[in-house]
């Protein structure tokens, strides 16, 4: 099985034209088409502010230090695992 990746434009008629290499002419093929629209990222669009994203302008001040549960504790760390040294074959 071989795969070919192409980027092409589909016009208003919805017709996809694919030209394959001549060495596969006169053969019966199973063809699978997977497509994904190309999304053009605009370098002109500015980054949205927190307010534009729906956050209050005091969001950070409101959430910093607001943990109200039991104090967080780090459990005791497990001992470091000692492993055998890798023996590389010599040539």
N, C-alpha and C. Protein backbone atom coordinates (compact mmCIF):
# COMPACT_ATOMS: atom_id res chain seq x y z
N UNK A 1 0.85 -1.16 0.00
CA UNK A 1 0.00 0.00 0.00
C UNK A 1 0.90 1.22 0.00
N UNK A 2 0.55 2.18 -0.80
CA UNK A 2 1.27 3.44 -0.88
C UNK A 2 0.32 4.57 -0.57
N UNK A 3 0.87 5.70 -0.12
CA UNK A 3 0.02 6.86 0.10
C UNK A 3 0.66 8.07 -0.54
N UNK A 4 -0.19 8.96 -0.98
CA UNK A 4 0.25 10.21 -1.59
C UNK A 4 -0.51 11.32 -0.89
N UNK A 5 0.22 12.34 -0.44
CA UNK A 5 -0.43 13.46 0.23
C UNK A 5 -0.36 14.66 -0.71
N UNK A 6 -1.51 15.26 -0.95
CA UNK A 6 -1.58 16.43 -1.82
C UNK A 6 -2.44 17.49 -1.16
N UNK A 7 -2.25 18.73 -1.54
CA UNK A 7 -3.16 19.81 -1.16
C UNK A 7 -3.73 20.33 -2.47
N UNK A 8 -5.05 20.40 -2.52
CA UNK A 8 -5.71 20.81 -3.75
C UNK A 8 -6.89 21.71 -3.42
N UNK A 9 -7.42 22.34 -4.43
CA UNK A 9 -8.57 23.22 -4.27
C UNK A 9 -9.76 22.57 -4.95
N UNK A 10 -10.88 22.53 -4.27
CA UNK A 10 -12.12 21.99 -4.84
C UNK A 10 -13.00 23.19 -5.20
N UNK A 11 -13.36 23.28 -6.46
CA UNK A 11 -14.17 24.39 -6.93
C UNK A 11 -15.64 24.21 -6.59
N UNK A 12 -16.47 25.14 -7.10
CA UNK A 12 -17.91 25.10 -6.84
C UNK A 12 -18.56 23.82 -7.34
N UNK A 13 -17.96 23.17 -8.34
CA UNK A 13 -18.55 21.95 -8.89
C UNK A 13 -18.33 20.74 -7.97
N UNK A 14 -17.45 20.85 -6.98
CA UNK A 14 -17.20 19.77 -6.03
C UNK A 14 -16.41 18.62 -6.61
N UNK A 15 -15.78 18.81 -7.75
CA UNK A 15 -15.03 17.73 -8.40
C UNK A 15 -13.57 17.77 -7.96
N UNK A 16 -13.09 16.62 -7.52
CA UNK A 16 -11.69 16.45 -7.14
C UNK A 16 -10.99 15.72 -8.28
N UNK A 17 -9.93 16.31 -8.80
CA UNK A 17 -9.17 15.65 -9.86
C UNK A 17 -7.82 15.27 -9.29
N UNK A 18 -7.47 14.00 -9.45
CA UNK A 18 -6.19 13.50 -8.94
C UNK A 18 -5.43 12.87 -10.10
N UNK A 19 -4.22 13.33 -10.32
CA UNK A 19 -3.37 12.74 -11.34
C UNK A 19 -2.36 11.85 -10.64
N UNK A 20 -2.36 10.57 -11.00
CA UNK A 20 -1.47 9.60 -10.37
C UNK A 20 -0.26 9.33 -11.25
N UNK A 21 0.80 8.82 -10.67
CA UNK A 21 2.01 8.53 -11.45
C UNK A 21 1.72 7.52 -12.56
N UNK A 22 2.39 7.65 -13.69
CA UNK A 22 2.11 6.77 -14.84
C UNK A 22 2.38 5.29 -14.57
N UNK A 23 3.25 4.98 -13.61
CA UNK A 23 3.56 3.57 -13.36
C UNK A 23 2.39 2.78 -12.76
N UNK A 24 1.35 3.45 -12.33
CA UNK A 24 0.19 2.71 -11.81
C UNK A 24 -0.98 2.73 -12.79
N UNK A 25 -0.70 3.10 -14.04
CA UNK A 25 -1.75 3.09 -15.06
C UNK A 25 -2.14 1.64 -15.37
N UNK A 26 -3.37 1.47 -15.84
CA UNK A 26 -3.90 0.16 -16.25
C UNK A 26 -3.92 -0.84 -15.10
N UNK A 27 -4.27 -0.38 -13.90
CA UNK A 27 -4.38 -1.26 -12.74
C UNK A 27 -5.70 -0.97 -12.03
N UNK A 28 -6.21 -1.96 -11.33
CA UNK A 28 -7.37 -1.76 -10.50
C UNK A 28 -6.86 -1.38 -9.11
N UNK A 29 -7.40 -0.30 -8.54
CA UNK A 29 -6.93 0.21 -7.26
C UNK A 29 -8.07 0.35 -6.28
N UNK A 30 -7.78 0.13 -5.01
CA UNK A 30 -8.69 0.55 -3.95
C UNK A 30 -8.19 1.92 -3.51
N UNK A 31 -9.07 2.89 -3.50
CA UNK A 31 -8.69 4.26 -3.16
C UNK A 31 -9.48 4.70 -1.93
N UNK A 32 -8.76 5.27 -0.95
CA UNK A 32 -9.39 5.81 0.25
C UNK A 32 -9.10 7.30 0.25
N UNK A 33 -10.12 8.11 0.43
CA UNK A 33 -9.93 9.55 0.47
C UNK A 33 -10.26 10.04 1.87
N UNK A 34 -9.29 10.68 2.48
CA UNK A 34 -9.47 11.31 3.78
C UNK A 34 -9.21 12.79 3.56
N UNK A 35 -10.14 13.63 3.94
CA UNK A 35 -9.91 15.06 3.70
C UNK A 35 -10.10 15.87 4.97
N UNK A 36 -9.37 16.98 5.01
CA UNK A 36 -9.46 17.91 6.13
C UNK A 36 -9.36 19.31 5.55
N UNK A 37 -10.32 20.16 5.84
CA UNK A 37 -10.25 21.53 5.33
C UNK A 37 -9.00 22.25 5.87
N UNK A 38 -8.41 23.06 5.03
CA UNK A 38 -7.25 23.85 5.42
C UNK A 38 -7.76 25.12 6.08
N UNK A 39 -7.33 25.35 7.31
CA UNK A 39 -7.75 26.55 8.03
C UNK A 39 -6.60 27.55 7.96
N UNK A 40 -6.88 28.67 7.33
CA UNK A 40 -5.87 29.71 7.19
C UNK A 40 -5.81 30.51 8.48
N UNK A 41 -4.63 30.57 9.09
CA UNK A 41 -4.46 31.38 10.29
C UNK A 41 -4.08 32.79 9.87
N UNK A 42 -4.80 33.73 10.37
CA UNK A 42 -4.53 35.13 10.02
C UNK A 42 -3.51 35.69 11.00
N UNK A 43 -2.40 36.17 10.45
CA UNK A 43 -1.39 36.79 11.31
C UNK A 43 -1.82 38.19 11.72
N UNK A 44 -2.89 38.69 11.11
CA UNK A 44 -3.38 40.02 11.40
C UNK A 44 -4.28 40.07 12.64
N UNK A 45 -4.87 38.89 13.04
CA UNK A 45 -5.82 38.93 14.14
C UNK A 45 -5.11 39.08 15.48
N UNK A 46 -5.48 40.08 16.26
CA UNK A 46 -4.83 40.29 17.55
C UNK A 46 -5.30 39.26 18.58
N UNK A 47 -4.48 39.04 19.59
CA UNK A 47 -4.85 38.14 20.68
C UNK A 47 -5.97 38.77 21.49
N UNK A 48 -6.96 37.95 21.87
CA UNK A 48 -8.09 38.47 22.62
C UNK A 48 -7.69 38.72 24.07
N UNK A 49 -8.26 39.75 24.63
CA UNK A 49 -8.00 40.07 26.03
C UNK A 49 -8.81 39.13 26.92
N UNK A 50 -8.44 39.00 28.20
CA UNK A 50 -9.24 38.16 29.10
C UNK A 50 -10.71 38.59 29.14
N UNK A 51 -10.96 39.90 29.07
CA UNK A 51 -12.34 40.38 29.09
C UNK A 51 -13.09 39.91 27.85
N UNK A 52 -12.43 39.91 26.69
CA UNK A 52 -13.06 39.44 25.45
C UNK A 52 -13.35 37.94 25.51
N UNK A 53 -12.58 37.21 26.31
CA UNK A 53 -12.79 35.77 26.48
C UNK A 53 -13.81 35.46 27.57
N UNK A 54 -14.36 36.49 28.23
CA UNK A 54 -15.41 36.29 29.22
C UNK A 54 -14.94 36.32 30.66
N UNK A 55 -13.68 36.65 30.91
CA UNK A 55 -13.17 36.72 32.28
C UNK A 55 -13.29 38.14 32.82
N UNK A 56 -13.49 38.24 34.11
CA UNK A 56 -13.53 39.54 34.77
C UNK A 56 -12.12 40.14 34.73
N UNK A 57 -12.02 41.46 34.73
CA UNK A 57 -10.70 42.09 34.74
C UNK A 57 -9.99 41.86 36.07
N UNK A 58 -10.71 41.39 37.09
CA UNK A 58 -10.10 41.09 38.39
C UNK A 58 -10.01 39.58 38.62
N UNK A 59 -10.06 38.79 37.54
CA UNK A 59 -10.08 37.33 37.67
C UNK A 59 -8.90 36.81 38.49
N UNK A 60 -7.70 37.23 38.15
CA UNK A 60 -6.51 36.72 38.84
C UNK A 60 -6.56 37.08 40.32
N UNK A 61 -6.90 38.31 40.65
CA UNK A 61 -6.96 38.72 42.05
C UNK A 61 -8.02 37.93 42.82
N UNK A 62 -9.10 37.54 42.13
CA UNK A 62 -10.18 36.81 42.79
C UNK A 62 -9.84 35.34 43.05
N UNK A 63 -8.99 34.74 42.23
CA UNK A 63 -8.73 33.31 42.38
C UNK A 63 -7.42 32.98 43.08
N UNK A 64 -6.45 33.88 43.08
CA UNK A 64 -5.17 33.61 43.74
C UNK A 64 -5.39 33.48 45.23
N UNK A 65 -4.90 32.38 45.80
CA UNK A 65 -5.02 32.17 47.24
C UNK A 65 -6.41 31.81 47.70
N UNK A 66 -7.25 31.32 46.80
CA UNK A 66 -8.64 31.08 47.21
C UNK A 66 -8.92 29.62 47.55
N UNK A 67 -7.89 28.78 47.72
CA UNK A 67 -8.12 27.38 48.10
C UNK A 67 -8.72 27.34 49.49
N UNK A 68 -9.87 26.66 49.63
CA UNK A 68 -10.55 26.64 50.90
C UNK A 68 -10.64 25.24 51.50
N UNK A 69 -10.02 24.26 50.88
CA UNK A 69 -10.08 22.89 51.38
C UNK A 69 -8.98 22.64 52.40
N UNK A 70 -8.76 21.33 52.71
CA UNK A 70 -7.67 20.96 53.61
C UNK A 70 -6.34 21.40 53.02
N UNK A 71 -5.37 21.68 53.89
CA UNK A 71 -4.06 22.08 53.36
C UNK A 71 -3.49 20.99 52.45
N UNK A 72 -2.86 21.40 51.38
CA UNK A 72 -2.25 20.45 50.46
C UNK A 72 -0.93 19.97 51.05
N UNK A 73 -0.71 18.67 51.00
CA UNK A 73 0.52 18.10 51.53
C UNK A 73 1.12 17.18 50.49
N UNK A 74 2.43 17.23 50.37
CA UNK A 74 3.14 16.34 49.46
C UNK A 74 3.49 15.07 50.23
N UNK A 75 3.07 13.90 49.73
CA UNK A 75 3.39 12.66 50.45
C UNK A 75 4.89 12.37 50.39
N UNK A 76 5.33 11.48 51.28
CA UNK A 76 6.73 11.08 51.31
C UNK A 76 7.09 10.44 49.97
N UNK A 77 8.26 10.76 49.46
CA UNK A 77 8.68 10.26 48.17
C UNK A 77 9.20 8.84 48.29
N UNK A 78 8.93 8.04 47.29
CA UNK A 78 9.39 6.66 47.26
C UNK A 78 10.89 6.63 47.03
N UNK A 79 11.56 5.55 47.48
CA UNK A 79 13.01 5.47 47.25
C UNK A 79 13.31 5.34 45.76
N UNK A 80 14.46 5.82 45.37
CA UNK A 80 14.89 5.77 43.98
C UNK A 80 15.16 4.32 43.59
N UNK A 81 14.63 3.92 42.46
CA UNK A 81 14.81 2.55 41.99
C UNK A 81 16.22 2.36 41.45
N UNK A 82 16.92 1.36 41.96
CA UNK A 82 18.27 1.07 41.45
C UNK A 82 18.16 -0.05 40.43
N UNK A 83 18.76 0.17 39.28
CA UNK A 83 18.68 -0.81 38.20
C UNK A 83 20.06 -1.35 37.89
N UNK A 84 20.06 -2.53 37.25
CA UNK A 84 21.34 -3.10 36.85
C UNK A 84 21.92 -2.26 35.72
N UNK A 85 23.24 -2.21 35.66
CA UNK A 85 23.91 -1.46 34.61
C UNK A 85 23.77 -2.21 33.30
N UNK A 86 23.55 -1.48 32.22
CA UNK A 86 23.41 -2.09 30.90
C UNK A 86 24.78 -2.48 30.40
N UNK A 87 24.91 -3.72 29.95
CA UNK A 87 26.16 -4.22 29.41
C UNK A 87 26.06 -4.22 27.89
N UNK A 88 26.82 -3.36 27.23
CA UNK A 88 26.80 -3.28 25.78
C UNK A 88 27.76 -4.30 25.20
N UNK A 89 27.33 -5.00 24.16
CA UNK A 89 28.25 -5.99 23.55
C UNK A 89 29.43 -5.27 22.91
N UNK A 90 30.59 -5.90 23.02
CA UNK A 90 31.78 -5.33 22.38
C UNK A 90 32.00 -6.05 21.07
N UNK A 91 32.48 -5.30 20.09
CA UNK A 91 32.67 -5.92 18.77
C UNK A 91 34.11 -6.21 18.49
